[in-house]
């Protein structure tokens, strides 16, 4: 389990990060340049939380951002600085956490006292949902054959309900509110069943 600081620095985003998810970011706001620099130096995670109201980029006179009470820890696995005032990073989601208390610093950075939730158990994909995992594998294989970048971080685990469901939640064009509800589910199997229903509606998974 990742060791989160007493007050976790937060990055409210217009997306939802799931455990095991890949998150590329371009950082140019001073509050986040400082935060990412410190996290990279100390090897500590930051928290990604979904925006409920407000924008990712701070604007003068704008109301404070409002964000979800549940998020995911992000660890930095790549960092580049192509020019002054710009960081290009790649992060991976680890554990989910719940926000217990939040504070905003003078520079606009949000921090929170959090409770890290237990890692989800590994649940084998049942026979009736193998088509959902197979569709994800086919999608990844097609991208690989075309030479395109994979929007998923290794190791791949097509036999695990949580991993398969999380990747589909990131790939499907779901509203942020639905992604947030998916993240909040404590059962990986239920999450995968719901994803299967969504795929069946679009016939992506091969169901009829």
Protein backbone atom coordinates (compact mmCIF):
# COMPACT_ATOMS: atom_id res chain seq x y z
CA UNK A 1 0.00 0.00 0.00
CA UNK A 2 1.31 3.49 -0.89
CA UNK A 3 2.27 5.70 2.00
CA UNK A 4 0.23 8.90 1.74
CA UNK A 5 1.33 12.07 3.58
CA UNK A 6 -0.68 13.31 6.58
CA UNK A 7 -2.32 15.93 4.36
CA UNK A 8 -2.37 14.66 0.81
CA UNK A 9 -1.86 17.17 -2.04
CA UNK A 10 -4.78 16.96 -4.46
CA UNK A 11 -5.15 17.44 -8.18
CA UNK A 12 -8.83 17.99 -9.09
CA UNK A 13 -9.37 16.91 -12.70
CA UNK A 14 -12.23 16.64 -15.13
CA UNK A 15 -11.65 12.89 -15.28
CA UNK A 16 -11.62 9.96 -12.86
CA UNK A 17 -8.48 7.92 -12.23
CA UNK A 18 -8.96 4.24 -11.40
CA UNK A 19 -6.51 1.93 -9.63
CA UNK A 20 -4.10 0.59 -12.23
CA UNK A 21 -4.97 3.41 -14.62
CA UNK A 22 -2.50 5.41 -16.70
CA UNK A 23 -2.66 9.20 -16.42
CA UNK A 24 -0.51 11.52 -18.60
CA UNK A 25 -0.48 15.18 -17.56
CA UNK A 26 1.06 18.44 -18.75
CA UNK A 27 1.72 20.66 -15.76
CA UNK A 28 2.17 24.43 -16.07
CA UNK A 29 0.30 26.01 -13.14
CA UNK A 30 2.69 27.09 -10.40
CA UNK A 31 0.72 25.34 -7.64
CA UNK A 32 1.00 22.02 -9.45
CA UNK A 33 4.57 22.53 -10.64
CA UNK A 34 5.59 22.88 -7.00
CA UNK A 35 3.42 19.96 -5.89
CA UNK A 36 4.65 17.58 -8.60
CA UNK A 37 8.25 18.61 -8.04
CA UNK A 38 7.98 17.81 -4.33
CA UNK A 39 6.16 14.51 -4.92
CA UNK A 40 8.78 13.43 -7.45
CA UNK A 41 11.64 14.43 -5.14
CA UNK A 42 10.23 12.58 -2.13
CA UNK A 43 8.67 9.67 -4.01
CA UNK A 44 5.26 10.31 -2.48
CA UNK A 45 1.89 10.13 -4.26
CA UNK A 46 -0.68 12.84 -4.84
CA UNK A 47 -4.43 12.43 -4.99
CA UNK A 48 -6.55 12.71 -8.13
CA UNK A 49 -10.14 13.72 -7.45
CA UNK A 50 -12.92 14.31 -9.95
CA UNK A 51 -14.15 17.86 -10.38
CA UNK A 52 -17.80 18.44 -9.55
CA UNK A 53 -17.74 22.18 -10.23
CA UNK A 54 -15.05 24.51 -11.53
CA UNK A 55 -12.21 24.18 -14.02
CA UNK A 56 -8.88 22.38 -13.96
CA UNK A 57 -7.01 25.63 -14.63
CA UNK A 58 -7.43 28.31 -12.00
CA UNK A 59 -8.90 31.61 -13.23
CA UNK A 60 -8.74 34.96 -11.45
CA UNK A 61 -11.90 35.62 -9.45
CA UNK A 62 -13.30 32.14 -10.02
CA UNK A 63 -15.07 30.31 -7.23
CA UNK A 64 -13.12 27.52 -5.51
CA UNK A 65 -13.28 24.13 -7.16
CA UNK A 66 -15.66 21.53 -5.80
CA UNK A 67 -14.54 17.92 -6.08
CA UNK A 68 -15.62 14.41 -5.20
CA UNK A 69 -15.10 12.87 -1.77
CA UNK A 70 -13.39 9.80 -3.23
CA UNK A 71 -10.28 9.71 -5.39
CA UNK A 72 -7.26 7.63 -6.30
CA UNK A 73 -3.62 7.95 -5.31
CA UNK A 74 -1.31 8.64 -8.25
CA UNK A 75 2.39 7.78 -8.35
CA UNK A 76 4.71 9.45 -10.85
CA UNK A 77 6.54 6.97 -13.07
CA UNK A 78 7.90 9.36 -15.71
CA UNK A 79 8.74 13.07 -15.57
CA UNK A 80 10.21 15.35 -18.21
CA UNK A 81 10.73 19.10 -18.31
CA UNK A 82 10.85 20.05 -22.00
CA UNK A 83 10.98 23.76 -21.15
CA UNK A 84 10.95 26.10 -18.20
CA UNK A 85 7.57 26.18 -16.48
CA UNK A 86 6.35 22.94 -18.03
CA UNK A 87 6.40 19.37 -16.72
CA UNK A 88 5.19 16.39 -18.71
CA UNK A 89 4.45 13.45 -16.45
CA UNK A 90 2.97 9.98 -16.58
CA UNK A 91 1.29 8.59 -13.49
CA UNK A 92 -0.28 5.32 -12.44
CA UNK A 93 -3.28 5.02 -10.12
CA UNK A 94 -2.84 2.90 -7.00
CA UNK A 95 -5.27 2.82 -4.04
CA UNK A 96 -8.59 4.57 -3.66
CA UNK A 97 -9.02 7.04 -0.82
CA UNK A 98 -11.80 8.95 0.88
CA UNK A 99 -11.49 12.66 1.73
CA UNK A 100 -12.12 13.32 5.42
CA UNK A 101 -11.08 16.98 5.64
CA UNK A 102 -9.98 19.41 2.95
CA UNK A 103 -7.98 22.62 3.02
CA UNK A 104 -6.95 25.12 0.36
CA UNK A 105 -3.58 26.81 0.59
CA UNK A 106 -2.88 30.43 -0.29
CA UNK A 107 -1.54 29.43 -3.74
CA UNK A 108 -4.77 27.57 -4.50
CA UNK A 109 -3.46 24.06 -3.92
CA UNK A 110 -5.92 21.72 -2.23
CA UNK A 111 -4.77 19.27 0.41
CA UNK A 112 -6.80 16.76 2.36
CA UNK A 113 -6.68 14.44 5.31
CA UNK A 114 -7.65 11.13 3.78
CA UNK A 115 -8.44 7.54 4.55
CA UNK A 116 -6.82 5.06 2.17
CA UNK A 117 -9.23 2.27 1.33
CA UNK A 118 -8.17 -1.38 1.30
CA UNK A 119 -6.96 -2.71 -2.03
CA UNK A 120 -9.70 -4.47 -3.94
CA UNK A 121 -9.53 -8.27 -3.84
CA UNK A 122 -8.56 -10.05 -7.03
CA UNK A 123 -11.75 -11.63 -8.36
CA UNK A 124 -11.51 -13.99 -11.36
CA UNK A 125 -13.66 -13.03 -14.33
CA UNK A 126 -16.67 -15.41 -14.40
CA UNK A 127 -17.49 -17.39 -17.52
CA UNK A 128 -20.49 -15.23 -18.43
CA UNK A 129 -18.28 -12.11 -18.52
CA UNK A 130 -15.31 -13.52 -20.45
CA UNK A 131 -16.60 -11.70 -23.53
CA UNK A 132 -16.01 -8.38 -21.74
CA UNK A 133 -12.39 -9.28 -21.04
CA UNK A 134 -11.93 -10.69 -24.55
CA UNK A 135 -13.21 -7.45 -26.09
CA UNK A 136 -10.69 -5.46 -24.07
CA UNK A 137 -7.87 -7.78 -25.13
CA UNK A 138 -8.94 -7.43 -28.77
CA UNK A 139 -9.00 -3.65 -28.44
CA UNK A 140 -5.45 -3.63 -27.02
CA UNK A 141 -4.20 -6.06 -29.68
CA UNK A 142 -5.67 -3.91 -32.44
CA UNK A 143 -3.97 -0.80 -31.12
CA UNK A 144 -0.68 -2.66 -30.79
CA UNK A 145 -0.91 -3.92 -34.39
CA UNK A 146 -1.54 -0.38 -35.60
CA UNK A 147 1.48 0.87 -33.69
CA UNK A 148 -0.60 3.23 -31.56
CA UNK A 149 0.10 4.01 -27.91
CA UNK A 150 -1.73 1.83 -25.43
CA UNK A 151 -3.83 3.82 -22.94
CA UNK A 152 -3.23 1.11 -20.34
CA UNK A 153 -0.35 0.41 -17.98
CA UNK A 154 1.26 -2.99 -17.63
CA UNK A 155 0.94 -5.53 -16.15
CA UNK A 156 -2.23 -6.51 -18.00
CA UNK A 157 -4.59 -8.80 -16.10
CA UNK A 158 -7.48 -9.89 -18.28
CA UNK A 159 -8.49 -12.51 -15.72
CA UNK A 160 -9.25 -9.99 -12.95
CA UNK A 161 -12.69 -8.38 -12.66
CA UNK A 162 -11.39 -5.14 -11.18
CA UNK A 163 -8.63 -4.62 -13.73
CA UNK A 164 -10.88 -5.30 -16.72
CA UNK A 165 -13.72 -3.17 -15.36
CA UNK A 166 -11.42 -0.27 -14.51
CA UNK A 167 -9.88 -0.19 -17.98
CA UNK A 168 -13.30 -0.15 -19.64
CA UNK A 169 -14.45 2.64 -17.28
CA UNK A 170 -11.50 4.69 -18.52
CA UNK A 171 -12.03 3.87 -22.21
CA UNK A 172 -15.79 4.19 -22.57
CA UNK A 173 -17.26 7.69 -23.16
CA UNK A 174 -19.00 7.78 -19.80
CA UNK A 175 -20.12 10.96 -18.02
CA UNK A 176 -17.81 11.89 -15.16
CA UNK A 177 -20.63 11.31 -12.67
CA UNK A 178 -21.01 7.71 -13.84
CA UNK A 179 -17.26 7.12 -13.69
CA UNK A 180 -17.27 8.45 -10.14
CA UNK A 181 -20.08 6.08 -9.17
CA UNK A 182 -18.16 3.19 -10.70
CA UNK A 183 -15.07 4.12 -8.69
CA UNK A 184 -17.11 4.20 -5.48
CA UNK A 185 -18.35 0.61 -5.93
CA UNK A 186 -16.60 -1.73 -3.51
CA UNK A 187 -17.30 -4.88 -5.55
CA UNK A 188 -15.10 -5.41 -8.63
CA UNK A 189 -17.58 -8.02 -9.88
CA UNK A 190 -20.53 -5.62 -9.71
CA UNK A 191 -18.46 -3.00 -11.54
CA UNK A 192 -17.65 -5.49 -14.28
CA UNK A 193 -21.29 -6.57 -14.55
CA UNK A 194 -22.32 -2.96 -15.07
CA UNK A 195 -19.60 -2.50 -17.67
CA UNK A 196 -20.86 -5.64 -19.40
CA UNK A 197 -24.35 -4.14 -19.55
CA UNK A 198 -22.95 -0.93 -21.08
CA UNK A 199 -20.97 -2.87 -23.66
CA UNK A 200 -23.97 -5.02 -24.53
CA UNK A 201 -25.95 -1.87 -25.28
CA UNK A 202 -23.29 -0.82 -27.80
CA UNK A 203 -22.53 -4.43 -28.90
CA UNK A 204 -18.82 -3.76 -28.37
CA UNK A 205 -18.42 -6.97 -26.40
CA UNK A 206 -20.02 -9.13 -29.06
CA UNK A 207 -23.24 -9.71 -27.08
CA UNK A 208 -26.58 -9.67 -28.88
